[in-house]
Amino acid sequence: MNRSGAITDVAGIEVGHATDREHGSGCTVVLCRDAAVGGVDVRGSAPGTRETDLLRPTNHVSEVHAVVLGGGSAFGLDSASGAVRFLAERDFGYRAGPVIVPIVPAAILFDIGIAKHGVHPQADDGYAASLNATDGGVEEGSIGAGTGATVAKTQGLDRAIKGGIGTAAVDLGDGITVGAIMAVNAVGGVYDPETGDLVAGPRNQRGGMDDPMEALLSGDCAATPPPFGSNTTIGVVATNATLTKEEANKLASIAHDGLALAVRPAHTMRDGDTIFAMATGAEPGKADMLRLGAAAVVCVARAIVRGVLCATGLDGIPSIHELAATR
């Protein structure tokens, strides 16, 4: 297999984007046409999701055929309908008697602060992203669900840094691969846990960045912080290991440790942080959950950092590279 360092290194996983840069929003579809065992963990207090109840271990259906990540707040959940239509037309889905029902959970982020009001990802965008899906390299940055994403908003949107979508993968060397894709729209700042460096913090008047955690602890936060629900980091962690539904949910839960390492603060009252898990089962046998969990944490953290490093500025919000160029 041609490995690209992306979630598509997991055999059977495809990723496609639909991007409306003019209006500052978009969506991303993570396909697994032949089904994956699904799980989810919602940690943020302002989530926008679809089909998450179905993924609970106590509920009947265990397979998913795609996960949609979208901008547009609750309006963007409509984009999942396009992925359902795409899969149904090709006869992929859960067989309920004579009917094929594609199972497509979704989560959205709130990019309306930067996106143009009244224009949100719709079903046709989810369909287009599905058409664009590939098992090769994945475009990163201000594209798809990351188009209108911003980070480091503890001191207000006017001091934010452009966010985006990023991906990463780890080959565990025993036939098992773990990958992640994350759309980063956090109220918190972004740190590289492998170096300890601040990657993106609120911009200051000196042309640099402040440490958001230090600012919060000292009380130096915005007089008008971002509204509740106006943020959120969402994503998918995937593996070719064979997992039960309970294990897939546990993997999604462990993956949030990578989010908390890279985004600080994370899981706030103003974020809807949500991570899905997809296990294709291409590699049979009992999975080592200890190693899978460690790989998921690394992949999620790296994907978040890449989402910010690959971003480009939009609507007056500079990327980290554009900010550095002005110093």
C-alpha atoms as a PDB file:
ATOM      1  CA  MET A   1       0.000   0.000   0.000  1.00  0.00           C
ATOM      2  CA  ASN A   2       1.176   3.518  -0.815  1.00  0.00           C
ATOM      3  CA  ARG A   3       1.340   5.175   2.593  1.00  0.00           C
ATOM      4  CA  SER A   4       0.763   8.907   2.803  1.00  0.00           C
ATOM      5  CA  GLY A   5       0.822   9.574   6.547  1.00  0.00           C
ATOM      6  CA  ALA A   6      -2.940  10.111   6.445  1.00  0.00           C
ATOM      7  CA  ILE A   7      -6.018   8.350   7.796  1.00  0.00           C
ATOM      8  CA  THR A   8      -6.326   6.768   4.348  1.00  0.00           C
ATOM      9  CA  ASP A   9      -3.306   4.625   5.225  1.00  0.00           C
ATOM     10  CA  VAL A  10      -5.985   2.484   6.906  1.00  0.00           C
ATOM     11  CA  ALA A  11      -7.130   0.147   4.131  1.00  0.00           C
ATOM     12  CA  GLY A  12     -10.785   0.695   3.221  1.00  0.00           C
ATOM     13  CA  ILE A  13     -10.900   4.321   4.383  1.00  0.00           C
ATOM     14  CA  GLU A  14     -11.477   7.111   1.868  1.00  0.00           C
ATOM     15  CA  VAL A  15     -11.671  10.869   2.464  1.00  0.00           C
ATOM     16  CA  GLY A  16     -13.274  13.578   0.361  1.00  0.00           C
ATOM     17  CA  HIS A  17     -13.840  17.312   0.864  1.00  0.00           C
ATOM     18  CA  ALA A  18     -16.356  19.842  -0.383  1.00  0.00           C
ATOM     19  CA  THR A  19     -15.151  23.432   0.071  1.00  0.00           C
ATOM     20  CA  ASP A  20     -16.920  26.772  -0.339  1.00  0.00           C
ATOM     21  CA  ARG A  21     -14.100  29.204   0.337  1.00  0.00           C
ATOM     22  CA  GLU A  22     -16.153  32.150  -0.905  1.00  0.00           C
ATOM     23  CA  HIS A  23     -18.645  31.617   1.903  1.00  0.00           C
ATOM     24  CA  GLY A  24     -16.126  30.200   4.385  1.00  0.00           C
ATOM     25  CA  SER A  25     -17.459  26.723   5.107  1.00  0.00           C
ATOM     26  CA  GLY A  26     -17.409  23.123   3.889  1.00  0.00           C
ATOM     27  CA  CYS A  27     -17.637  19.469   4.854  1.00  0.00           C
ATOM     28  CA  THR A  28     -15.482  16.347   4.880  1.00  0.00           C
ATOM     29  CA  VAL A  29     -16.646  12.761   4.382  1.00  0.00           C
ATOM     30  CA  VAL A  30     -14.773   9.731   5.750  1.00  0.00           C
ATOM     31  CA  LEU A  31     -16.030   6.702   3.809  1.00  0.00           C
ATOM     32  CA  CYS A  32     -15.816   3.003   4.574  1.00  0.00           C
ATOM     33  CA  ARG A  33     -18.055   1.501   1.902  1.00  0.00           C
ATOM     34  CA  ASP A  34     -17.794  -2.057   3.176  1.00  0.00           C
ATOM     35  CA  ALA A  35     -18.640  -0.954   6.741  1.00  0.00           C
ATOM     36  CA  ALA A  36     -16.626  -0.419   9.882  1.00  0.00           C
ATOM     37  CA  VAL A  37     -17.498  -1.031  13.496  1.00  0.00           C
ATOM     38  CA  GLY A  38     -18.296   2.407  14.867  1.00  0.00           C
ATOM     39  CA  GLY A  39     -17.900   4.194  18.173  1.00  0.00           C
ATOM     40  CA  VAL A  40     -18.062   7.766  19.439  1.00  0.00           C
ATOM     41  CA  ASP A  41     -17.242   9.899  22.439  1.00  0.00           C
ATOM     42  CA  VAL A  42     -18.728  13.377  22.840  1.00  0.00           C
ATOM     43  CA  ARG A  43     -16.782  15.406  25.416  1.00  0.00           C
ATOM     44  CA  GLY A  44     -17.578  19.029  24.659  1.00  0.00           C
ATOM     45  CA  SER A  45     -20.595  20.662  26.263  1.00  0.00           C
ATOM     46  CA  ALA A  46     -21.989  22.259  23.094  1.00  0.00           C
ATOM     47  CA  PRO A  47     -22.108  19.426  20.529  1.00  0.00           C
ATOM     48  CA  GLY A  48     -23.965  19.177  17.251  1.00  0.00           C
ATOM     49  CA  THR A  49     -24.259  15.543  16.178  1.00  0.00           C
ATOM     50  CA  ARG A  50     -26.280  12.962  14.280  1.00  0.00           C
ATOM     51  CA  GLU A  51     -26.647   9.178  14.894  1.00  0.00           C
ATOM     52  CA  THR A  52     -24.460   9.143  18.011  1.00  0.00           C
ATOM     53  CA  ASP A  53     -27.085   7.262  20.048  1.00  0.00           C
ATOM     54  CA  LEU A  54     -26.948   4.443  17.513  1.00  0.00           C
ATOM     55  CA  LEU A  55     -23.237   3.970  18.287  1.00  0.00           C
ATOM     56  CA  ARG A  56     -23.761   3.247  21.973  1.00  0.00           C
ATOM     57  CA  PRO A  57     -22.667  -0.306  22.842  1.00  0.00           C
ATOM     58  CA  THR A  58     -26.141  -1.217  24.115  1.00  0.00           C
ATOM     59  CA  ASN A  59     -27.816  -0.424  20.785  1.00  0.00           C
ATOM     60  CA  HIS A  60     -28.311  -2.827  17.910  1.00  0.00           C
ATOM     61  CA  VAL A  61     -26.484  -1.617  14.789  1.00  0.00           C
ATOM     62  CA  SER A  62     -22.694  -1.746  15.063  1.00  0.00           C
ATOM     63  CA  GLU A  63     -21.615  -0.785  11.549  1.00  0.00           C
ATOM     64  CA  VAL A  64     -21.097   2.610   9.937  1.00  0.00           C
ATOM     65  CA  HIS A  65     -20.447   3.352   6.276  1.00  0.00           C
ATOM     66  CA  ALA A  66     -19.293   6.954   6.547  1.00  0.00           C
ATOM     67  CA  VAL A  67     -18.771   9.765   9.020  1.00  0.00           C
ATOM     68  CA  VAL A  68     -19.387  13.361   7.991  1.00  0.00           C
ATOM     69  CA  LEU A  69     -17.590  16.327   9.562  1.00  0.00           C
ATOM     70  CA  GLY A  70     -19.065  19.682   8.639  1.00  0.00           C
ATOM     71  CA  GLY A  71     -19.129  23.387   9.233  1.00  0.00           C
ATOM     72  CA  GLY A  72     -22.307  25.439   9.411  1.00  0.00           C
ATOM     73  CA  SER A  73     -23.374  24.601  12.976  1.00  0.00           C
ATOM     74  CA  ALA A  74     -26.646  22.615  13.130  1.00  0.00           C
ATOM     75  CA  PHE A  75     -27.419  23.592   9.535  1.00  0.00           C
ATOM     76  CA  GLY A  76     -24.368  21.607   8.407  1.00  0.00           C
ATOM     77  CA  LEU A  77     -25.767  18.303   9.656  1.00  0.00           C
ATOM     78  CA  ASP A  78     -27.792  18.233   6.446  1.00  0.00           C
ATOM     79  CA  SER A  79     -24.577  17.390   4.573  1.00  0.00           C
ATOM     80  CA  ALA A  80     -24.735  13.843   5.977  1.00  0.00           C
ATOM     81  CA  SER A  81     -27.860  13.230   3.894  1.00  0.00           C
ATOM     82  CA  GLY A  82     -25.750  13.646   0.772  1.00  0.00           C
ATOM     83  CA  ALA A  83     -23.352  10.917   1.891  1.00  0.00           C
ATOM     84  CA  VAL A  84     -26.343   8.662   2.619  1.00  0.00           C
ATOM     85  CA  ARG A  85     -27.651   9.243  -0.895  1.00  0.00           C
ATOM     86  CA  PHE A  86     -24.216   8.568  -2.427  1.00  0.00           C
ATOM     87  CA  LEU A  87     -23.871   5.247  -0.602  1.00  0.00           C
ATOM     88  CA  ALA A  88     -27.467   4.158  -1.231  1.00  0.00           C
ATOM     89  CA  GLU A  89     -27.088   4.728  -4.965  1.00  0.00           C
ATOM     90  CA  ARG A  90     -24.148   2.308  -4.898  1.00  0.00           C
ATOM     91  CA  ASP A  91     -25.886  -0.287  -2.693  1.00  0.00           C
ATOM     92  CA  PHE A  92     -23.657   0.207   0.363  1.00  0.00           C
ATOM     93  CA  GLY A  93     -25.347   0.144   3.749  1.00  0.00           C
ATOM     94  CA  TYR A  94     -26.981  -1.846   6.494  1.00  0.00           C
ATOM     95  CA  ARG A  95     -29.331  -4.474   5.120  1.00  0.00           C
ATOM     96  CA  ALA A  96     -32.742  -4.201   6.770  1.00  0.00           C
ATOM     97  CA  GLY A  97     -34.712  -6.866   4.937  1.00  0.00           C
ATOM     98  CA  PRO A  98     -35.005  -5.755   1.309  1.00  0.00           C
ATOM     99  CA  VAL A  99     -33.804  -2.224   2.115  1.00  0.00           C
ATOM    100  CA  ILE A 100     -30.233  -0.913   2.200  1.00  0.00           C
ATOM    101  CA  VAL A 101     -29.772   1.828   4.812  1.00  0.00           C
ATOM    102  CA  PRO A 102     -26.370   3.587   4.885  1.00  0.00           C
ATOM    103  CA  ILE A 103     -25.372   4.449   8.454  1.00  0.00           C
ATOM    104  CA  VAL A 104     -23.749   7.882   8.471  1.00  0.00           C
ATOM    105  CA  PRO A 105     -23.097   9.597  11.818  1.00  0.00           C
ATOM    106  CA  ALA A 106     -22.006  13.224  11.703  1.00  0.00           C
ATOM    107  CA  ALA A 107     -20.698  16.089  13.805  1.00  0.00           C
ATOM    108  CA  ILE A 108     -20.520  19.788  13.035  1.00  0.00           C
ATOM    109  CA  LEU A 109     -18.464  22.754  14.149  1.00  0.00           C
ATOM    110  CA  PHE A 110     -19.598  26.362  14.435  1.00  0.00           C
ATOM    111  CA  ASP A 111     -17.819  28.454  11.798  1.00  0.00           C
ATOM    112  CA  ILE A 112     -20.599  31.000  11.376  1.00  0.00           C
ATOM    113  CA  GLY A 113     -18.433  33.677  13.018  1.00  0.00           C
ATOM    114  CA  ILE A 114     -16.254  33.621   9.899  1.00  0.00           C
ATOM    115  CA  ALA A 115     -18.617  32.007   7.350  1.00  0.00           C
ATOM    116  CA  LYS A 116     -21.183  34.118   5.553  1.00  0.00           C
ATOM    117  CA  HIS A 117     -24.576  33.898   7.207  1.00  0.00           C
ATOM    118  CA  GLY A 118     -27.219  31.910   5.353  1.00  0.00           C
ATOM    119  CA  VAL A 119     -24.779  29.711   3.419  1.00  0.00           C
ATOM    120  CA  HIS A 120     -24.035  26.340   5.026  1.00  0.00           C
ATOM    121  CA  PRO A 121     -22.995  22.867   3.872  1.00  0.00           C
ATOM    122  CA  GLN A 122     -26.026  21.035   2.522  1.00  0.00           C
ATOM    123  CA  ALA A 123     -26.863  17.564   1.243  1.00  0.00           C
ATOM    124  CA  ASP A 124     -25.383  18.326  -2.168  1.00  0.00           C
ATOM    125  CA  ASP A 125     -22.073  19.210  -0.477  1.00  0.00           C
ATOM    126  CA  GLY A 126     -22.011  15.877   1.353  1.00  0.00           C
ATOM    127  CA  TYR A 127     -22.680  14.150  -1.958  1.00  0.00           C
ATOM    128  CA  ALA A 128     -19.913  16.120  -3.678  1.00  0.00           C
ATOM    129  CA  ALA A 129     -17.446  15.320  -0.897  1.00  0.00           C
ATOM    130  CA  SER A 130     -18.315  11.628  -1.276  1.00  0.00           C
ATOM    131  CA  LEU A 131     -17.706  11.843  -5.024  1.00  0.00           C
ATOM    132  CA  ASN A 132     -14.322  13.432  -4.280  1.00  0.00           C
ATOM    133  CA  ALA A 133     -13.344  10.709  -1.810  1.00  0.00           C
ATOM    134  CA  THR A 134     -10.054   8.898  -2.397  1.00  0.00           C
ATOM    135  CA  ASP A 135      -7.917   6.393  -0.559  1.00  0.00           C
ATOM    136  CA  GLY A 136      -4.775   8.355  -1.436  1.00  0.00           C
ATOM    137  CA  GLY A 137      -3.303  11.534  -0.010  1.00  0.00           C
ATOM    138  CA  VAL A 138      -5.624  13.854   1.911  1.00  0.00           C
ATOM    139  CA  GLU A 139      -5.623  17.623   1.447  1.00  0.00           C
ATOM    140  CA  GLU A 140      -5.159  19.497   4.722  1.00  0.00           C
ATOM    141  CA  GLY A 141      -5.651  22.993   6.064  1.00  0.00           C
ATOM    142  CA  SER A 142      -8.472  25.387   5.203  1.00  0.00           C
ATOM    143  CA  ILE A 143     -10.494  22.890   3.218  1.00  0.00           C
ATOM    144  CA  GLY A 144     -13.598  20.789   3.804  1.00  0.00           C
ATOM    145  CA  ALA A 145     -14.778  20.939   7.406  1.00  0.00           C
ATOM    146  CA  GLY A 146     -11.733  23.076   8.218  1.00  0.00           C
ATOM    147  CA  THR A 147     -12.540  25.843   5.727  1.00  0.00           C
ATOM    148  CA  GLY A 148     -13.926  28.329   8.242  1.00  0.00           C
ATOM    149  CA  ALA A 149     -12.266  26.935  11.353  1.00  0.00           C
ATOM    150  CA  THR A 150     -10.469  29.205  13.831  1.00  0.00           C
ATOM    151  CA  VAL A 151      -8.555  28.576  17.055  1.00  0.00           C
ATOM    152  CA  ALA A 152      -7.210  30.499  20.064  1.00  0.00           C
ATOM    153  CA  LYS A 153     -10.378  32.477  20.817  1.00  0.00           C
ATOM    154  CA  THR A 154     -10.091  32.812  24.595  1.00  0.00           C
ATOM    155  CA  GLN A 155      -9.604  36.560  24.073  1.00  0.00           C
ATOM    156  CA  GLY A 156     -12.143  36.940  21.286  1.00  0.00           C
ATOM    157  CA  LEU A 157     -12.409  36.175  17.586  1.00  0.00           C
ATOM    158  CA  ASP A 158     -10.548  39.362  16.669  1.00  0.00           C
ATOM    159  CA  ARG A 159      -7.376  37.820  18.158  1.00  0.00           C
ATOM    160  CA  ALA A 160      -7.875  34.308  16.729  1.00  0.00           C
ATOM    161  CA  ILE A 161      -5.630  32.248  14.462  1.00  0.00           C
ATOM    162  CA  LYS A 162      -6.910  30.332  11.444  1.00  0.00           C
ATOM    163  CA  GLY A 163      -7.649  26.663  12.089  1.00  0.00           C
ATOM    164  CA  GLY A 164      -8.160  23.839   9.632  1.00  0.00           C
ATOM    165  CA  ILE A 165      -8.307  20.100   9.106  1.00  0.00           C
ATOM    166  CA  GLY A 166      -5.327  17.776   9.468  1.00  0.00           C
ATOM    167  CA  THR A 167      -4.545  14.085   9.355  1.00  0.00           C
ATOM    168  CA  ALA A 168      -1.898  11.658  10.594  1.00  0.00           C
ATOM    169  CA  ALA A 169      -1.250   7.911  10.769  1.00  0.00           C
ATOM    170  CA  VAL A 170       0.873   5.447  12.724  1.00  0.00           C
ATOM    171  CA  ASP A 171       1.980   2.043  11.430  1.00  0.00           C
ATOM    172  CA  LEU A 172       2.307  -0.238  14.454  1.00  0.00           C
ATOM    173  CA  GLY A 173       4.498  -2.635  12.485  1.00  0.00           C
ATOM    174  CA  ASP A 174       2.386  -5.764  12.991  1.00  0.00           C
ATOM    175  CA  GLY A 175      -0.077  -5.224  10.174  1.00  0.00           C
ATOM    176  CA  ILE A 176      -2.089  -2.744  12.249  1.00  0.00           C
ATOM    177  CA  THR A 177      -2.463   0.893  11.205  1.00  0.00           C
ATOM    178  CA  VAL A 178      -4.152   3.711  13.076  1.00  0.00           C
ATOM    179  CA  GLY A 179      -5.045   7.055  11.508  1.00  0.00           C
ATOM    180  CA  ALA A 180      -6.925  10.204  12.438  1.00  0.00           C
ATOM    181  CA  ILE A 181      -8.438  13.243  10.776  1.00  0.00           C
ATOM    182  CA  MET A 182      -9.360  16.283  12.868  1.00  0.00           C
ATOM    183  CA  ALA A 183     -11.107  19.578  12.090  1.00  0.00           C
ATOM    184  CA  VAL A 184      -9.785  22.145  14.572  1.00  0.00           C
ATOM    185  CA  ASN A 185     -12.066  25.031  15.549  1.00  0.00           C
ATOM    186  CA  ALA A 186     -11.233  25.261  19.245  1.00  0.00           C
ATOM    187  CA  VAL A 187     -11.737  28.094  21.704  1.00  0.00           C
ATOM    188  CA  GLY A 188      -8.388  27.016  23.170  1.00  0.00           C
ATOM    189  CA  GLY A 189      -4.894  27.372  21.802  1.00  0.00           C
ATOM    190  CA  VAL A 190      -2.975  24.635  19.994  1.00  0.00           C
ATOM    191  CA  TYR A 191       0.249  23.139  21.332  1.00  0.00           C
ATOM    192  CA  ASP A 192       2.630  20.565  19.907  1.00  0.00           C
ATOM    193  CA  PRO A 193       2.802  17.915  22.657  1.00  0.00           C
ATOM    194  CA  GLU A 194       5.934  16.404  21.131  1.00  0.00           C
ATOM    195  CA  THR A 195       7.921  19.626  21.661  1.00  0.00           C
ATOM    196  CA  GLY A 196       5.824  21.449  24.242  1.00  0.00           C
ATOM    197  CA  ASP A 197       5.725  24.518  21.970  1.00  0.00           C
ATOM    198  CA  LEU A 198       2.728  26.801  21.591  1.00  0.00           C
ATOM    199  CA  VAL A 199       1.651  26.520  17.947  1.00  0.00           C
ATOM    200  CA  ALA A 200      -1.296  28.934  17.948  1.00  0.00           C
ATOM    201  CA  GLY A 201      -2.386  31.328  20.677  1.00  0.00           C
ATOM    202  CA  PRO A 202      -4.339  34.583  20.773  1.00  0.00           C
ATOM    203  CA  ARG A 203      -2.618  37.334  18.793  1.00  0.00           C
ATOM    204  CA  ASN A 204      -1.263  40.249  20.783  1.00  0.00           C
ATOM    205  CA  GLN A 205      -0.421  43.855  19.923  1.00  0.00           C
ATOM    206  CA  ARG A 206       3.280  43.014  19.647  1.00  0.00           C
ATOM    207  CA  GLY A 207       2.659  40.851  16.584  1.00  0.00           C
ATOM    208  CA  GLY A 208       3.123  37.653  18.543  1.00  0.00           C
ATOM    209  CA  MET A 209       0.907  35.252  20.470  1.00  0.00           C
ATOM    210  CA  ASP A 210      -0.110  34.913  24.100  1.00  0.00           C
ATOM    211  CA  ASP A 211      -0.334  31.632  25.955  1.00  0.00           C
ATOM    212  CA  PRO A 212      -4.090  31.060  26.394  1.00  0.00           C
ATOM    213  CA  MET A 213      -3.717  28.936  29.514  1.00  0.00           C
ATOM    214  CA  GLU A 214      -1.611  31.567  31.243  1.00  0.00           C
ATOM    215  CA  ALA A 215      -4.102  34.244  30.224  1.00  0.00           C
ATOM    216  CA  LEU A 216      -7.047  32.268  31.554  1.00  0.00           C
ATOM    217  CA  LEU A 217      -5.372  31.468  34.854  1.00  0.00           C
ATOM    218  CA  SER A 218      -4.376  35.107  35.349  1.00  0.00           C
ATOM    219  CA  GLY A 219      -7.847  36.379  34.465  1.00  0.00           C
ATOM    220  CA  ASP A 220      -6.662  38.124  31.285  1.00  0.00           C
ATOM    221  CA  CYS A 221      -9.481  36.866  29.086  1.00  0.00           C
ATOM    222  CA  ALA A 222     -11.821  38.565  26.662  1.00  0.00           C
ATOM    223  CA  ALA A 223     -14.527  40.895  27.902  1.00  0.00           C
ATOM    224  CA  THR A 224     -16.729  39.263  25.264  1.00  0.00           C
ATOM    225  CA  PRO A 225     -15.455  35.678  24.840  1.00  0.00           C
ATOM    226  CA  PRO A 226     -16.786  33.574  21.968  1.00  0.00           C
ATOM    227  CA  PRO A 227     -20.426  32.516  22.437  1.00  0.00           C
ATOM    228  CA  PHE A 228     -21.312  29.083  23.713  1.00  0.00           C
ATOM    229  CA  GLY A 229     -21.211  26.528  20.912  1.00  0.00           C
ATOM    230  CA  SER A 230     -19.183  28.723  18.584  1.00  0.00           C
ATOM    231  CA  ASN A 231     -16.131  26.481  18.565  1.00  0.00           C
ATOM    232  CA  THR A 232     -15.507  22.686  18.559  1.00  0.00           C
ATOM    233  CA  THR A 233     -12.861  20.164  17.464  1.00  0.00           C
ATOM    234  CA  ILE A 234     -14.287  17.127  15.682  1.00  0.00           C
ATOM    235  CA  GLY A 235     -12.746  14.134  13.998  1.00  0.00           C
ATOM    236  CA  VAL A 236     -12.382  10.445  13.278  1.00  0.00           C
ATOM    237  CA  VAL A 237      -9.832   7.878  14.379  1.00  0.00           C
ATOM    238  CA  ALA A 238      -9.710   4.737  12.236  1.00  0.00           C
ATOM    239  CA  THR A 239      -7.911   1.407  12.341  1.00  0.00           C
ATOM    240  CA  ASN A 240      -7.812  -1.817  10.366  1.00  0.00           C
ATOM    241  CA  ALA A 241      -7.875  -3.809  13.611  1.00  0.00           C
ATOM    242  CA  THR A 242     -10.851  -5.983  14.518  1.00  0.00           C
ATOM    243  CA  LEU A 243     -12.794  -4.368  17.372  1.00  0.00           C
ATOM    244  CA  THR A 244     -16.087  -4.941  19.102  1.00  0.00           C
ATOM    245  CA  LYS A 245     -18.510  -2.048  19.357  1.00  0.00           C
ATOM    246  CA  GLU A 246     -17.496  -1.609  22.999  1.00  0.00           C
ATOM    247  CA  GLU A 247     -13.826  -1.453  22.017  1.00  0.00           C
ATOM    248  CA  ALA A 248     -14.536   1.052  19.238  1.00  0.00           C
ATOM    249  CA  ASN A 249     -16.251   3.317  21.739  1.00  0.00           C
ATOM    250  CA  LYS A 250     -13.314   2.937  24.116  1.00  0.00           C
ATOM    251  CA  LEU A 251     -10.881   3.838  21.324  1.00  0.00           C
ATOM    252  CA  ALA A 252     -12.886   7.016  20.632  1.00  0.00           C
ATOM    253  CA  SER A 253     -12.702   7.834  24.333  1.00  0.00           C
ATOM    254  CA  ILE A 254      -8.939   7.295  24.556  1.00  0.00           C
ATOM    255  CA  ALA A 255      -8.422   9.395  21.422  1.00  0.00           C
ATOM    256  CA  HIS A 256      -9.666  12.448  23.321  1.00  0.00           C
ATOM    257  CA  ASP A 257      -6.412  12.347  25.287  1.00  0.00           C
ATOM    258  CA  GLY A 258      -4.677  13.415  22.074  1.00  0.00           C
ATOM    259  CA  LEU A 259      -7.138  16.295  21.742  1.00  0.00           C
ATOM    260  CA  ALA A 260      -6.476  17.396  25.325  1.00  0.00           C
ATOM    261  CA  LEU A 261      -2.714  17.259  24.751  1.00  0.00           C
ATOM    262  CA  ALA A 262      -2.890  19.460  21.658  1.00  0.00           C
ATOM    263  CA  VAL A 263      -5.774  21.804  22.508  1.00  0.00           C
ATOM    264  CA  ARG A 264      -5.722  23.725  25.786  1.00  0.00           C
ATOM    265  CA  PRO A 265      -8.204  24.212  27.279  1.00  0.00           C
ATOM    266  CA  ALA A 266     -10.234  21.429  25.684  1.00  0.00           C
ATOM    267  CA  HIS A 267     -13.734  20.020  26.237  1.00  0.00           C
ATOM    268  CA  THR A 268     -14.992  23.373  27.475  1.00  0.00           C
ATOM    269  CA  MET A 269     -18.542  24.643  27.891  1.00  0.00           C
ATOM    270  CA  ARG A 270     -17.988  26.530  24.629  1.00  0.00           C
ATOM    271  CA  ASP A 271     -16.794  23.521  22.579  1.00  0.00           C
ATOM    272  CA  GLY A 272     -18.637  20.484  21.207  1.00  0.00           C
ATOM    273  CA  ASP A 273     -15.577  18.232  20.969  1.00  0.00           C
ATOM    274  CA  THR A 274     -16.520  14.895  19.383  1.00  0.00           C
ATOM    275  CA  ILE A 275     -14.396  11.990  18.098  1.00  0.00           C
ATOM    276  CA  PHE A 276     -15.703   8.976  16.166  1.00  0.00           C
ATOM    277  CA  ALA A 277     -13.923   5.628  15.839  1.00  0.00           C
ATOM    278  CA  MET A 278     -14.049   3.323  12.807  1.00  0.00           C
ATOM    279  CA  ALA A 279     -12.580  -0.201  12.865  1.00  0.00           C
ATOM    280  CA  THR A 280     -12.561  -1.899   9.463  1.00  0.00           C
ATOM    281  CA  GLY A 281     -11.597  -5.346  10.766  1.00  0.00           C
ATOM    282  CA  ALA A 282      -9.323  -6.032   7.805  1.00  0.00           C
ATOM    283  CA  GLU A 283      -6.767  -7.497  10.221  1.00  0.00           C
ATOM    284  CA  PRO A 284      -8.347 -10.379  12.158  1.00  0.00           C
ATOM    285  CA  GLY A 285      -7.470 -11.475  15.648  1.00  0.00           C
ATOM    286  CA  LYS A 286      -7.577  -9.955  19.093  1.00  0.00           C
ATOM    287  CA  ALA A 287      -6.526  -6.295  19.044  1.00  0.00           C
ATOM    288  CA  ASP A 288      -4.039  -4.877  21.533  1.00  0.00           C
ATOM    289  CA  MET A 289      -6.074  -1.994  22.936  1.00  0.00           C
ATOM    290  CA  LEU A 290      -3.077  -0.609  24.827  1.00  0.00           C
ATOM    291  CA  ARG A 291      -1.086  -0.069  21.632  1.00  0.00           C
ATOM    292  CA  LEU A 292      -4.129   1.043  19.638  1.00  0.00           C
ATOM    293  CA  GLY A 293      -4.969   3.638  22.274  1.00  0.00           C
ATOM    294  CA  ALA A 294      -1.426   4.990  22.350  1.00  0.00           C
ATOM    295  CA  ALA A 295      -1.393   5.283  18.557  1.00  0.00           C
ATOM    296  CA  ALA A 296      -4.793   7.016  18.545  1.00  0.00           C
ATOM    297  CA  VAL A 297      -3.558   9.647  21.016  1.00  0.00           C
ATOM    298  CA  VAL A 298      -0.483  10.360  18.890  1.00  0.00           C
ATOM    299  CA  CYS A 299      -2.462  10.494  15.629  1.00  0.00           C
ATOM    300  CA  VAL A 300      -5.127  12.843  16.978  1.00  0.00           C
ATOM    301  CA  ALA A 301      -2.563  15.245  18.449  1.00  0.00           C
ATOM    302  CA  ARG A 302      -0.483  15.283  15.266  1.00  0.00           C
ATOM    303  CA  ALA A 303      -3.561  15.764  13.088  1.00  0.00           C
ATOM    304  CA  ILE A 304      -4.648  18.770  15.161  1.00  0.00           C
ATOM    305  CA  VAL A 305      -1.230  20.406  14.892  1.00  0.00           C
ATOM    306  CA  ARG A 306      -1.159  19.760  11.140  1.00  0.00           C
ATOM    307  CA  GLY A 307      -4.615  21.264  10.720  1.00  0.00           C
ATOM    308  CA  VAL A 308      -3.292  24.577  12.068  1.00  0.00           C
ATOM    309  CA  LEU A 309       0.107  24.447  10.352  1.00  0.00           C
ATOM    310  CA  CYS A 310      -1.500  23.757   6.955  1.00  0.00           C
ATOM    311  CA  ALA A 311      -4.186  26.442   7.261  1.00  0.00           C
ATOM    312  CA  THR A 312      -4.432  29.611   5.180  1.00  0.00           C
ATOM    313  CA  GLY A 313      -5.932  32.897   6.312  1.00  0.00           C
ATOM    314  CA  LEU A 314      -9.538  33.830   5.626  1.00  0.00           C
ATOM    315  CA  ASP A 315     -11.748  36.870   6.240  1.00  0.00           C
ATOM    316  CA  GLY A 316      -9.075  38.756   8.152  1.00  0.00           C
ATOM    317  CA  ILE A 317      -8.061  35.810  10.371  1.00  0.00           C
ATOM    318  CA  PRO A 318      -4.401  35.035   9.590  1.00  0.00           C
ATOM    319  CA  SER A 319      -2.818  31.615   9.522  1.00  0.00           C
ATOM    320  CA  ILE A 320       0.115  30.982  11.801  1.00  0.00           C
ATOM    321  CA  HIS A 321       2.489  31.293   8.829  1.00  0.00           C
ATOM    322  CA  GLU A 322       0.966  34.598   7.733  1.00  0.00           C
ATOM    323  CA  LEU A 323       1.264  35.936  11.269  1.00  0.00           C
ATOM    324  CA  ALA A 324       4.948  34.920  11.392  1.00  0.00           C
ATOM    325  CA  ALA A 325       5.605  36.668   8.062  1.00  0.00           C
ATOM    326  CA  THR A 326       4.421  40.004   9.471  1.00  0.00           C
ATOM    327  CA  ARG A 327       6.717  40.003  12.490  1.00  0.00           C
END
